[in-house]
Protein backbone atom coordinates (compact mmCIF):
# COMPACT_ATOMS: atom_id res chain seq x y z
CA MET A 1 115.34 119.43 50.20
CA ILE A 2 116.49 117.11 52.99
CA GLU A 3 113.73 114.85 54.30
CA HIS A 4 113.52 112.71 57.45
CA GLU A 5 110.71 110.68 58.95
CA VAL A 6 111.34 111.98 62.50
CA LEU A 7 112.75 115.34 63.59
CA VAL A 8 113.87 115.66 67.23
CA VAL A 9 114.24 119.24 68.46
CA GLY A 10 116.77 119.44 71.29
CA GLY A 11 120.00 117.55 71.90
CA GLY A 12 119.73 117.10 75.67
CA LEU A 13 119.37 113.74 77.36
CA ALA A 14 115.66 113.45 76.58
CA GLY A 15 116.15 114.42 72.94
CA LEU A 16 118.99 111.97 72.42
CA ARG A 17 117.03 109.16 74.09
CA ALA A 18 114.01 109.90 71.90
CA ALA A 19 116.22 109.85 68.81
CA ILE A 20 117.73 106.49 69.78
CA GLU A 21 114.27 104.94 70.20
CA ALA A 22 112.95 106.46 66.98
CA ALA A 23 116.01 105.30 65.03
CA GLN A 24 114.97 101.66 65.46
CA GLY A 25 112.74 101.91 62.40
CA CYS A 26 112.87 105.47 61.07
CA ASP A 27 115.22 108.00 59.52
CA VAL A 28 115.92 110.48 62.34
CA ALA A 29 117.45 113.97 62.47
CA ILE A 30 118.32 115.98 65.60
CA VAL A 31 118.22 119.79 65.64
CA SER A 32 119.97 121.47 68.55
CA GLN A 33 121.35 124.90 69.39
CA VAL A 34 124.51 123.41 70.90
CA HIS A 35 126.54 120.25 70.40
CA PRO A 36 124.90 117.40 72.40
CA VAL A 37 128.02 116.98 74.57
CA ARG A 38 127.66 120.61 75.67
CA SER A 39 123.95 120.40 76.49
CA HIS A 40 122.66 121.69 79.81
CA SER A 41 121.81 118.12 80.83
CA GLY A 42 125.49 117.18 80.89
CA ALA A 43 126.40 120.30 82.87
CA ALA A 44 123.70 119.62 85.48
CA GLN A 45 125.15 116.21 86.38
CA GLY A 46 128.39 117.72 87.67
CA GLY A 47 126.50 120.15 89.89
CA ILE A 48 124.52 117.35 91.52
CA ASN A 49 127.66 115.35 92.18
CA ALA A 50 129.39 118.35 93.73
CA SER A 51 126.52 119.07 96.13
CA LEU A 52 126.32 115.42 97.28
CA ALA A 53 130.09 114.90 97.66
CA ASN A 54 129.96 115.52 101.42
CA VAL A 55 127.12 113.03 102.10
CA PRO A 56 128.39 109.63 103.33
């Protein structure tokens, strides 16, 4: 059986940030449905940039 001290569920921006902080002194694992690069957090950033592109 694989054991970790901290288990982070979700590979979005909040999950990755939590894992980085927890990794300072613990053994951390991340469980996600999709690869972290393909999370919905990364997709949302492009939509915000597109809607604000016409604002000076």
